[in-house]
PDB file of all heavy atoms in Angstrom:
ATOM      1  N   PRO A   1     -14.086 -26.611  43.934  1.00  0.00           N
ATOM      2  CA  PRO A   1     -13.483 -26.286  45.256  1.00  0.00           C
ATOM      3  C   PRO A   1     -13.582 -24.769  45.440  1.00  0.00           C
ATOM      4  O   PRO A   1     -13.265 -24.080  44.500  1.00  0.00           O
ATOM      5  CB  PRO A   1     -12.015 -26.901  45.178  1.00  0.00           C
ATOM      6  CG  PRO A   1     -12.144 -27.901  44.199  1.00  0.00           C
ATOM      7  CD  PRO A   1     -13.174 -27.542  43.200  1.00  0.00           C
ATOM      8  N   SER A   2     -14.029 -24.395  46.580  1.00  0.00           N
ATOM      9  CA  SER A   2     -14.112 -22.920  46.886  1.00  0.00           C
ATOM     10  C   SER A   2     -13.103 -22.401  47.766  1.00  0.00           C
ATOM     11  O   SER A   2     -12.775 -23.068  48.826  1.00  0.00           O
ATOM     12  CB  SER A   2     -15.616 -22.582  47.368  1.00  0.00           C
ATOM     13  OG  SER A   2     -15.616 -21.317  47.936  1.00  0.00           O
ATOM     14  N   PRO A   3     -12.688 -21.042  47.706  1.00  0.00           N
ATOM     15  CA  PRO A   3     -11.827 -20.491  48.765  1.00  0.00           C
ATOM     16  C   PRO A   3     -12.497 -20.378  50.106  1.00  0.00           C
ATOM     17  O   PRO A   3     -11.955 -20.196  51.129  1.00  0.00           O
ATOM     18  CB  PRO A   3     -11.498 -19.165  48.144  1.00  0.00           C
ATOM     19  CG  PRO A   3     -11.601 -19.296  46.798  1.00  0.00           C
ATOM     20  CD  PRO A   3     -12.754 -20.253  46.521  1.00  0.00           C
ATOM     21  N   GLU A   4     -13.853 -20.611  50.139  1.00  0.00           N
ATOM     22  CA  GLU A   4     -14.661 -20.483  51.371  1.00  0.00           C
ATOM     23  C   GLU A   4     -14.399 -21.728  52.264  1.00  0.00           C
ATOM     24  O   GLU A   4     -14.473 -21.608  53.418  1.00  0.00           O
ATOM     25  CB  GLU A   4     -16.137 -20.572  51.000  1.00  0.00           C
ATOM     26  CG  GLU A   4     -17.058 -20.200  52.147  1.00  0.00           C
ATOM     27  CD  GLU A   4     -18.406 -20.050  51.733  1.00  0.00           C
ATOM     28  OE1 GLU A   4     -18.696 -20.285  50.707  1.00  0.00           O
ATOM     29  OE2 GLU A   4     -19.171 -19.683  52.660  1.00  0.00           O
ATOM     30  N   GLU A   5     -13.641 -22.769  51.670  1.00  0.00           N
ATOM     31  CA  GLU A   5     -13.375 -23.962  52.423  1.00  0.00           C
ATOM     32  C   GLU A   5     -12.204 -23.680  53.286  1.00  0.00           C
ATOM     33  O   GLU A   5     -11.734 -24.507  54.109  1.00  0.00           O
ATOM     34  CB  GLU A   5     -13.166 -25.146  51.498  1.00  0.00           C
ATOM     35  CG  GLU A   5     -14.495 -25.466  50.708  1.00  0.00           C
ATOM     36  CD  GLU A   5     -14.145 -26.602  49.638  1.00  0.00           C
ATOM     37  OE1 GLU A   5     -12.966 -26.986  49.524  1.00  0.00           O
ATOM     38  OE2 GLU A   5     -15.027 -26.887  48.974  1.00  0.00           O
ATOM     39  N   SER A   6     -11.306 -22.646  52.962  1.00  0.00           N
ATOM     40  CA  SER A   6     -10.224 -22.515  53.802  1.00  0.00           C
ATOM     41  C   SER A   6     -10.243 -21.296  54.742  1.00  0.00           C
ATOM     42  O   SER A   6     -11.416 -20.498  54.584  1.00  0.00           O
ATOM     43  CB  SER A   6      -8.956 -22.156  52.921  1.00  0.00           C
ATOM     44  OG  SER A   6      -8.988 -20.874  52.377  1.00  0.00           O
ATOM     45  N   GLN A   7      -9.352 -20.853  55.490  1.00  0.00           N
ATOM     46  CA  GLN A   7      -9.347 -19.648  56.389  1.00  0.00           C
ATOM     47  C   GLN A   7      -8.786 -18.489  55.610  1.00  0.00           C
ATOM     48  O   GLN A   7      -8.843 -17.387  56.339  1.00  0.00           O
ATOM     49  CB  GLN A   7      -8.545 -20.067  57.657  1.00  0.00           C
ATOM     50  CG  GLN A   7      -8.897 -19.465  58.963  1.00  0.00           C
ATOM     51  CD  GLN A   7     -10.297 -19.229  59.291  1.00  0.00           C
ATOM     52  OE1 GLN A   7     -11.093 -20.053  58.923  1.00  0.00           O
ATOM     53  NE2 GLN A   7     -10.572 -18.078  59.800  1.00  0.00           N
ATOM     54  N   THR A   8      -8.401 -18.599  54.384  1.00  0.00           N
ATOM     55  CA  THR A   8      -7.605 -17.567  53.781  1.00  0.00           C
ATOM     56  C   THR A   8      -8.648 -16.266  53.646  1.00  0.00           C
ATOM     57  O   THR A   8      -8.123 -15.150  54.041  1.00  0.00           O
ATOM     58  CB  THR A   8      -7.173 -17.787  52.258  1.00  0.00           C
ATOM     59  OG1 THR A   8      -6.350 -19.047  52.491  1.00  0.00           O
ATOM     60  CG2 THR A   8      -6.414 -16.666  51.716  1.00  0.00           C
ATOM     61  N   ALA A   9      -9.679 -16.384  53.076  1.00  0.00           N
ATOM     62  CA  ALA A   9     -10.576 -15.212  52.971  1.00  0.00           C
ATOM     63  C   ALA A   9     -10.999 -14.622  54.346  1.00  0.00           C
ATOM     64  O   ALA A   9     -11.031 -13.390  54.479  1.00  0.00           O
ATOM     65  CB  ALA A   9     -11.784 -15.557  52.220  1.00  0.00           C
ATOM     66  N   ALA A  10     -11.255 -15.317  55.364  1.00  0.00           N
ATOM     67  CA  ALA A  10     -11.671 -14.951  56.637  1.00  0.00           C
ATOM     68  C   ALA A  10     -10.558 -14.163  57.197  1.00  0.00           C
ATOM     69  O   ALA A  10     -10.762 -13.132  57.807  1.00  0.00           O
ATOM     70  CB  ALA A  10     -12.024 -16.110  57.449  1.00  0.00           C
ATOM     71  N   ASP A  11      -9.374 -14.752  57.147  1.00  0.00           N
ATOM     72  CA  ASP A  11      -8.234 -13.973  57.715  1.00  0.00           C
ATOM     73  C   ASP A  11      -7.962 -12.641  56.959  1.00  0.00           C
ATOM     74  O   ASP A  11      -7.614 -11.780  57.655  1.00  0.00           O
ATOM     75  CB  ASP A  11      -6.879 -14.847  57.395  1.00  0.00           C
ATOM     76  CG  ASP A  11      -6.867 -16.045  58.338  1.00  0.00           C
ATOM     77  OD1 ASP A  11      -7.719 -16.132  59.426  1.00  0.00           O
ATOM     78  OD2 ASP A  11      -6.069 -17.060  58.123  1.00  0.00           O
ATOM     79  N   HIS A  12      -8.151 -12.657  55.624  1.00  0.00           N
ATOM     80  CA  HIS A  12      -8.142 -11.376  54.848  1.00  0.00           C
ATOM     81  C   HIS A  12      -9.043 -10.405  55.351  1.00  0.00           C
ATOM     82  O   HIS A  12      -8.740  -9.200  55.572  1.00  0.00           O
ATOM     83  CB  HIS A  12      -8.377 -11.751  53.446  1.00  0.00           C
ATOM     84  CG  HIS A  12      -8.183 -10.555  52.468  1.00  0.00           C
ATOM     85  ND1 HIS A  12      -9.451  -9.885  52.015  1.00  0.00           N
ATOM     86  CD2 HIS A  12      -7.181  -9.915  52.003  1.00  0.00           C
ATOM     87  CE1 HIS A  12      -9.061  -8.850  51.263  1.00  0.00           C
ATOM     88  NE2 HIS A  12      -7.726  -8.753  51.251  1.00  0.00           N
ATOM     89  N   GLY A  13     -10.347 -10.834  55.571  1.00  0.00           N
ATOM     90  CA  GLY A  13     -11.342  -9.756  56.168  1.00  0.00           C
ATOM     91  C   GLY A  13     -10.923  -9.246  57.518  1.00  0.00           C
ATOM     92  O   GLY A  13     -11.063  -8.131  57.675  1.00  0.00           O
ATOM     93  N   GLU A  14     -10.451 -10.129  58.426  1.00  0.00           N
ATOM     94  CA  GLU A  14     -10.077  -9.672  59.695  1.00  0.00           C
ATOM     95  C   GLU A  14      -8.910  -8.751  59.579  1.00  0.00           C
ATOM     96  O   GLU A  14      -8.846  -7.689  60.224  1.00  0.00           O
ATOM     97  CB  GLU A  14      -9.778 -10.874  60.596  1.00  0.00           C
ATOM     98  CG  GLU A  14      -9.370 -10.449  62.111  1.00  0.00           C
ATOM     99  CD  GLU A  14      -8.909 -11.547  62.955  1.00  0.00           C
ATOM    100  OE1 GLU A  14      -8.993 -12.759  62.436  1.00  0.00           O
ATOM    101  OE2 GLU A  14      -8.655 -11.349  64.030  1.00  0.00           O
ATOM    102  N   GLN A  15      -7.931  -9.058  58.802  1.00  0.00           N
ATOM    103  CA  GLN A  15      -6.713  -8.189  58.595  1.00  0.00           C
ATOM    104  C   GLN A  15      -7.056  -6.854  58.072  1.00  0.00           C
ATOM    105  O   GLN A  15      -6.636  -5.744  58.504  1.00  0.00           O
ATOM    106  CB  GLN A  15      -5.719  -8.857  57.653  1.00  0.00           C
ATOM    107  CG  GLN A  15      -4.404  -8.047  57.642  1.00  0.00           C
ATOM    108  CD  GLN A  15      -3.855  -8.062  56.211  1.00  0.00           C
ATOM    109  OE1 GLN A  15      -4.570  -8.078  55.133  1.00  0.00           O
ATOM    110  NE2 GLN A  15      -2.447  -8.018  56.088  1.00  0.00           N
ATOM    111  N   ARG A  16      -7.994  -6.828  57.033  1.00  0.00           N
ATOM    112  CA  ARG A  16      -8.411  -5.434  56.450  1.00  0.00           C
ATOM    113  C   ARG A  16      -9.163  -4.626  57.601  1.00  0.00           C
ATOM    114  O   ARG A  16      -8.946  -3.465  57.535  1.00  0.00           O
ATOM    115  CB  ARG A  16      -9.337  -5.775  55.228  1.00  0.00           C
ATOM    116  CG  ARG A  16      -8.732  -6.002  53.995  1.00  0.00           C
ATOM    117  CD  ARG A  16      -7.229  -6.045  53.892  1.00  0.00           C
ATOM    118  NE  ARG A  16      -6.671  -6.150  52.546  1.00  0.00           N
ATOM    119  CZ  ARG A  16      -5.385  -6.335  52.284  1.00  0.00           C
ATOM    120  NH1 ARG A  16      -4.522  -6.590  53.405  1.00  0.00           N
ATOM    121  NH2 ARG A  16      -5.011  -6.276  51.075  1.00  0.00           N
ATOM    122  N   LEU A  17      -9.897  -5.193  58.343  1.00  0.00           N
ATOM    123  CA  LEU A  17     -10.413  -4.425  59.514  1.00  0.00           C
ATOM    124  C   LEU A  17      -9.419  -3.838  60.380  1.00  0.00           C
ATOM    125  O   LEU A  17      -9.520  -2.523  60.707  1.00  0.00           O
ATOM    126  CB  LEU A  17     -11.413  -5.294  60.292  1.00  0.00           C
ATOM    127  CG  LEU A  17     -11.930  -4.741  61.666  1.00  0.00           C
ATOM    128  CD1 LEU A  17     -12.895  -3.660  61.391  1.00  0.00           C
ATOM    129  CD2 LEU A  17     -12.601  -5.856  62.462  1.00  0.00           C
ATOM    130  N   ARG A  18      -8.381  -4.601  60.721  1.00  0.00           N
ATOM    131  CA  ARG A  18      -7.291  -3.985  61.733  1.00  0.00           C
ATOM    132  C   ARG A  18      -6.515  -2.978  60.842  1.00  0.00           C
ATOM    133  O   ARG A  18      -6.032  -2.082  61.619  1.00  0.00           O
ATOM    134  CB  ARG A  18      -6.335  -5.288  62.128  1.00  0.00           C
ATOM    135  CG  ARG A  18      -6.975  -6.394  62.729  1.00  0.00           C
ATOM    136  CD  ARG A  18      -7.758  -6.072  63.850  1.00  0.00           C
ATOM    137  NE  ARG A  18      -8.453  -7.199  64.435  1.00  0.00           N
ATOM    138  CZ  ARG A  18      -9.634  -7.123  65.237  1.00  0.00           C
ATOM    139  NH1 ARG A  18     -10.055  -5.875  65.597  1.00  0.00           N
ATOM    140  NH2 ARG A  18     -10.168  -8.218  65.691  1.00  0.00           N
ATOM    141  N   LEU A  19      -6.376  -3.058  59.463  1.00  0.00           N
ATOM    142  CA  LEU A  19      -5.661  -2.020  58.875  1.00  0.00           C
ATOM    143  C   LEU A  19      -6.445  -0.833  58.469  1.00  0.00           C
ATOM    144  O   LEU A  19      -5.872   0.120  57.871  1.00  0.00           O
ATOM    145  CB  LEU A  19      -5.087  -2.636  57.456  1.00  0.00           C
ATOM    146  CG  LEU A  19      -4.107  -3.771  57.722  1.00  0.00           C
ATOM    147  CD1 LEU A  19      -3.771  -4.404  56.289  1.00  0.00           C
ATOM    148  CD2 LEU A  19      -2.764  -3.312  58.339  1.00  0.00           C
ATOM    149  N   GLY A  20      -7.709  -0.781  58.775  1.00  0.00           N
ATOM    150  CA  GLY A  20      -8.502   0.361  58.567  1.00  0.00           C
ATOM    151  C   GLY A  20      -9.357   0.440  57.301  1.00  0.00           C
ATOM    152  O   GLY A  20      -9.812   1.512  57.073  1.00  0.00           O
ATOM    153  N   PHE A  21      -9.325  -0.631  56.511  1.00  0.00           N
ATOM    154  CA  PHE A  21     -10.187  -0.689  55.331  1.00  0.00           C
ATOM    155  C   PHE A  21     -11.776  -0.561  55.800  1.00  0.00           C
ATOM    156  O   PHE A  21     -12.229  -0.943  56.820  1.00  0.00           O
ATOM    157  CB  PHE A  21     -10.081  -2.077  54.676  1.00  0.00           C
ATOM    158  CG  PHE A  21      -8.790  -2.093  53.771  1.00  0.00           C
ATOM    159  CD1 PHE A  21      -7.656  -1.924  54.326  1.00  0.00           C
ATOM    160  CD2 PHE A  21      -8.964  -2.396  52.409  1.00  0.00           C
ATOM    161  CE1 PHE A  21      -6.400  -2.219  53.541  1.00  0.00           C
ATOM    162  CE2 PHE A  21      -7.864  -2.488  51.642  1.00  0.00           C
ATOM    163  CZ  PHE A  21      -6.518  -2.404  52.210  1.00  0.00           C
ATOM    164  N   SER A  22     -12.526   0.049  54.765  1.00  0.00           N
ATOM    165  CA  SER A  22     -13.822  -0.070  55.013  1.00  0.00           C
ATOM    166  C   SER A  22     -14.470  -1.158  54.477  1.00  0.00           C
ATOM    167  O   SER A  22     -13.660  -1.963  53.696  1.00  0.00           O
ATOM    168  CB  SER A  22     -14.427   1.231  54.230  1.00  0.00           C
ATOM    169  OG  SER A  22     -14.420   1.075  52.816  1.00  0.00           O
ATOM    170  N   LEU A  23     -15.697  -1.575  54.815  1.00  0.00           N
ATOM    171  CA  LEU A  23     -16.272  -2.760  54.330  1.00  0.00           C
ATOM    172  C   LEU A  23     -16.445  -2.662  52.760  1.00  0.00           C
ATOM    173  O   LEU A  23     -16.203  -3.682  51.889  1.00  0.00           O
ATOM    174  CB  LEU A  23     -17.635  -3.004  54.963  1.00  0.00           C
ATOM    175  CG  LEU A  23     -18.295  -4.422  54.813  1.00  0.00           C
ATOM    176  CD1 LEU A  23     -17.349  -5.479  55.380  1.00  0.00           C
ATOM    177  CD2 LEU A  23     -19.603  -4.461  55.577  1.00  0.00           C
ATOM    178  N   GLU A  24     -16.775  -1.476  52.288  1.00  0.00           N
ATOM    179  CA  GLU A  24     -16.952  -1.303  50.875  1.00  0.00           C
ATOM    180  C   GLU A  24     -15.580  -1.477  50.028  1.00  0.00           C
ATOM    181  O   GLU A  24     -15.523  -2.205  49.046  1.00  0.00           O
ATOM    182  CB  GLU A  24     -17.275   0.139  50.520  1.00  0.00           C
ATOM    183  CG  GLU A  24     -17.386   0.512  49.019  1.00  0.00           C
ATOM    184  CD  GLU A  24     -17.714   1.893  48.757  1.00  0.00           C
ATOM    185  OE1 GLU A  24     -17.777   2.650  49.741  1.00  0.00           O
ATOM    186  OE2 GLU A  24     -17.895   2.307  47.522  1.00  0.00           O
ATOM    187  N   ALA A  25     -14.456  -1.093  50.729  1.00  0.00           N
ATOM    188  CA  ALA A  25     -13.131  -1.222  50.201  1.00  0.00           C
ATOM    189  C   ALA A  25     -12.699  -2.723  50.060  1.00  0.00           C
ATOM    190  O   ALA A  25     -12.118  -3.271  49.201  1.00  0.00           O
ATOM    191  CB  ALA A  25     -12.066  -0.557  50.965  1.00  0.00           C
ATOM    192  N   VAL A  26     -13.242  -3.602  51.048  1.00  0.00           N
ATOM    193  CA  VAL A  26     -12.864  -5.001  51.169  1.00  0.00           C
ATOM    194  C   VAL A  26     -13.581  -5.612  49.910  1.00  0.00           C
ATOM    195  O   VAL A  26     -12.976  -6.501  49.147  1.00  0.00           O
ATOM    196  CB  VAL A  26     -13.325  -5.755  52.485  1.00  0.00           C
ATOM    197  CG1 VAL A  26     -13.245  -7.153  52.273  1.00  0.00           C
ATOM    198  CG2 VAL A  26     -12.598  -5.106  53.581  1.00  0.00           C
ATOM    199  N   VAL A  27     -14.863  -5.328  49.557  1.00  0.00           N
ATOM    200  CA  VAL A  27     -15.604  -5.771  48.503  1.00  0.00           C
ATOM    201  C   VAL A  27     -14.945  -5.428  47.198  1.00  0.00           C
ATOM    202  O   VAL A  27     -14.784  -6.248  46.335  1.00  0.00           O
ATOM    203  CB  VAL A  27     -17.135  -5.450  48.493  1.00  0.00           C
ATOM    204  CG1 VAL A  27     -17.838  -5.968  47.329  1.00  0.00           C
ATOM    205  CG2 VAL A  27     -17.802  -6.040  49.838  1.00  0.00           C
ATOM    206  N   ARG A  28     -14.682  -4.177  47.109  1.00  0.00           N
ATOM    207  CA  ARG A  28     -14.089  -3.632  45.834  1.00  0.00           C
ATOM    208  C   ARG A  28     -12.699  -4.266  45.616  1.00  0.00           C
ATOM    209  O   ARG A  28     -12.246  -4.364  44.393  1.00  0.00           O
ATOM    210  CB  ARG A  28     -14.094  -2.159  45.860  1.00  0.00           C
ATOM    211  CG  ARG A  28     -15.448  -1.564  45.851  1.00  0.00           C
ATOM    212  CD  ARG A  28     -15.478  -0.041  45.983  1.00  0.00           C
ATOM    213  NE  ARG A  28     -14.790   0.631  44.973  1.00  0.00           N
ATOM    214  CZ  ARG A  28     -14.233   1.820  44.958  1.00  0.00           C
ATOM    215  NH1 ARG A  28     -14.540   2.498  45.925  1.00  0.00           N
ATOM    216  NH2 ARG A  28     -13.589   2.327  43.898  1.00  0.00           N
ATOM    217  N   GLU A  29     -11.946  -4.541  46.605  1.00  0.00           N
ATOM    218  CA  GLU A  29     -10.656  -5.138  46.391  1.00  0.00           C
ATOM    219  C   GLU A  29     -10.802  -6.572  45.838  1.00  0.00           C
ATOM    220  O   GLU A  29      -9.844  -6.830  44.878  1.00  0.00           O
ATOM    221  CB  GLU A  29      -9.993  -5.430  47.883  1.00  0.00           C
ATOM    222  CG  GLU A  29      -8.534  -5.775  47.798  1.00  0.00           C
ATOM    223  CD  GLU A  29      -7.918  -5.908  49.117  1.00  0.00           C
ATOM    224  OE1 GLU A  29      -8.554  -5.861  50.167  1.00  0.00           O
ATOM    225  OE2 GLU A  29      -6.612  -5.947  49.044  1.00  0.00           O
ATOM    226  N   TYR A  30     -11.833  -7.307  46.125  1.00  0.00           N
ATOM    227  CA  TYR A  30     -12.028  -8.620  45.398  1.00  0.00           C
ATOM    228  C   TYR A  30     -12.354  -8.331  43.987  1.00  0.00           C
ATOM    229  O   TYR A  30     -11.940  -9.171  43.057  1.00  0.00           O
ATOM    230  CB  TYR A  30     -13.050  -9.384  46.072  1.00  0.00           C
ATOM    231  CG  TYR A  30     -12.418 -10.258  47.283  1.00  0.00           C
ATOM    232  CD1 TYR A  30     -12.354  -9.652  48.451  1.00  0.00           C
ATOM    233  CD2 TYR A  30     -11.859 -11.473  47.145  1.00  0.00           C
ATOM    234  CE1 TYR A  30     -11.870 -10.298  49.584  1.00  0.00           C
ATOM    235  CE2 TYR A  30     -11.451 -12.221  48.164  1.00  0.00           C
ATOM    236  CZ  TYR A  30     -11.473 -11.540  49.508  1.00  0.00           C
ATOM    237  OH  TYR A  30     -10.845 -12.201  50.478  1.00  0.00           O
ATOM    238  N   GLY A  31     -13.100  -7.261  43.606  1.00  0.00           N
ATOM    239  CA  GLY A  31     -13.296  -6.939  42.244  1.00  0.00           C
ATOM    240  C   GLY A  31     -12.122  -6.599  41.613  1.00  0.00           C
ATOM    241  O   GLY A  31     -11.890  -7.023  40.390  1.00  0.00           O
ATOM    242  N   ALA A  32     -11.221  -5.921  42.251  1.00  0.00           N
ATOM    243  CA  ALA A  32      -9.999  -5.453  41.573  1.00  0.00           C
ATOM    244  C   ALA A  32      -9.190  -6.721  41.333  1.00  0.00           C
ATOM    245  O   ALA A  32      -8.410  -6.798  40.341  1.00  0.00           O
ATOM    246  CB  ALA A  32      -9.160  -4.417  42.549  1.00  0.00           C
ATOM    247  N   LEU A  33      -9.094  -7.656  42.288  1.00  0.00           N
ATOM    248  CA  LEU A  33      -8.348  -8.882  42.107  1.00  0.00           C
ATOM    249  C   LEU A  33      -8.950  -9.694  40.835  1.00  0.00           C
ATOM    250  O   LEU A  33      -8.131 -10.161  40.000  1.00  0.00           O
ATOM    251  CB  LEU A  33      -8.434  -9.804  43.374  1.00  0.00           C
ATOM    252  CG  LEU A  33      -7.867 -11.095  43.237  1.00  0.00           C
ATOM    253  CD1 LEU A  33      -6.379 -11.027  43.044  1.00  0.00           C
ATOM    254  CD2 LEU A  33      -8.043 -11.913  44.424  1.00  0.00           C
ATOM    255  N   GLN A  34     -10.252  -9.705  40.578  1.00  0.00           N
ATOM    256  CA  GLN A  34     -10.762 -10.452  39.543  1.00  0.00           C
ATOM    257  C   GLN A  34     -10.334  -9.831  38.219  1.00  0.00           C
ATOM    258  O   GLN A  34      -9.892 -10.359  37.290  1.00  0.00           O
ATOM    259  CB  GLN A  34     -12.322 -10.443  39.584  1.00  0.00           C
ATOM    260  CG  GLN A  34     -12.970 -11.173  38.334  1.00  0.00           C
ATOM    261  CD  GLN A  34     -14.416 -11.214  38.577  1.00  0.00           C
ATOM    262  OE1 GLN A  34     -14.954 -11.979  39.190  1.00  0.00           O
ATOM    263  NE2 GLN A  34     -15.184 -10.452  37.866  1.00  0.00           N
ATOM    264  N   GLU A  35     -10.357  -8.426  38.197  1.00  0.00           N
ATOM    265  CA  GLU A  35     -10.075  -7.584  36.998  1.00  0.00           C
ATOM    266  C   GLU A  35      -8.484  -7.884  36.726  1.00  0.00           C
ATOM    267  O   GLU A  35      -8.127  -7.978  35.560  1.00  0.00           O
ATOM    268  CB  GLU A  35     -10.179  -6.174  37.175  1.00  0.00           C
ATOM    269  CG  GLU A  35     -11.644  -5.702  37.277  1.00  0.00           C
ATOM    270  CD  GLU A  35     -11.747  -4.225  37.437  1.00  0.00           C
ATOM    271  OE1 GLU A  35     -10.912  -3.473  37.161  1.00  0.00           O
ATOM    272  OE2 GLU A  35     -12.838  -3.816  37.943  1.00  0.00           O
ATOM    273  N   ALA A  36      -7.640  -7.962  37.815  1.00  0.00           N
ATOM    274  CA  ALA A  36      -6.296  -8.325  37.619  1.00  0.00           C
ATOM    275  C   ALA A  36      -6.026  -9.596  37.053  1.00  0.00           C
ATOM    276  O   ALA A  36      -5.165  -9.737  36.013  1.00  0.00           O
ATOM    277  CB  ALA A  36      -5.475  -8.039  38.896  1.00  0.00           C
ATOM    278  N   ILE A  37      -6.815 -10.699  37.430  1.00  0.00           N
ATOM    279  CA  ILE A  37      -6.579 -11.997  36.918  1.00  0.00           C
ATOM    280  C   ILE A  37      -6.860 -12.009  35.350  1.00  0.00           C
ATOM    281  O   ILE A  37      -6.194 -12.529  34.656  1.00  0.00           O
ATOM    282  CB  ILE A  37      -7.570 -12.910  37.662  1.00  0.00           C
ATOM    283  CG1 ILE A  37      -7.096 -13.149  39.081  1.00  0.00           C
ATOM    284  CG2 ILE A  37      -7.492 -14.369  36.994  1.00  0.00           C
ATOM    285  CD1 ILE A  37      -7.952 -13.941  39.893  1.00  0.00           C
ATOM    286  N   LEU A  38      -8.074 -11.348  35.023  1.00  0.00           N
ATOM    287  CA  LEU A  38      -8.404 -11.428  33.715  1.00  0.00           C
ATOM    288  C   LEU A  38      -7.487 -10.527  32.807  1.00  0.00           C
ATOM    289  O   LEU A  38      -7.161 -11.010  31.618  1.00  0.00           O
ATOM    290  CB  LEU A  38      -9.838 -10.803  33.544  1.00  0.00           C
ATOM    291  CG  LEU A  38     -10.983 -11.729  34.277  1.00  0.00           C
ATOM    292  CD1 LEU A  38     -12.318 -11.049  34.085  1.00  0.00           C
ATOM    293  CD2 LEU A  38     -10.866 -13.102  33.811  1.00  0.00           C
ATOM    294  N   ALA A  39      -7.033  -9.350  33.275  1.00  0.00           N
ATOM    295  CA  ALA A  39      -6.111  -8.534  32.641  1.00  0.00           C
ATOM    296  C   ALA A  39      -4.775  -9.282  32.271  1.00  0.00           C
ATOM    297  O   ALA A  39      -4.146  -9.192  31.254  1.00  0.00           O
ATOM    298  CB  ALA A  39      -5.874  -7.229  33.358  1.00  0.00           C
ATOM    299  N   THR A  40      -4.370  -9.985  33.334  1.00  0.00           N
ATOM    300  CA  THR A  40      -3.064 -10.762  33.245  1.00  0.00           C
ATOM    301  C   THR A  40      -3.325 -11.931  32.108  1.00  0.00           C
ATOM    302  O   THR A  40      -2.370 -12.125  31.232  1.00  0.00           O
ATOM    303  CB  THR A  40      -2.745 -11.431  34.467  1.00  0.00           C
ATOM    304  OG1 THR A  40      -2.454 -10.304  35.412  1.00  0.00           O
ATOM    305  CG2 THR A  40      -1.409 -12.258  34.295  1.00  0.00           C
TER     306      THR A  40
END
């Protein structure tokens, strides 16, 4: 099952646009999330 099946990631992308994130920052944020999961 993939997060792509829900609206969560899409909502996240739209919210980051409204908050002033760059597209590069959105991508790198998911990389930071993966690192955080593995570090934990």
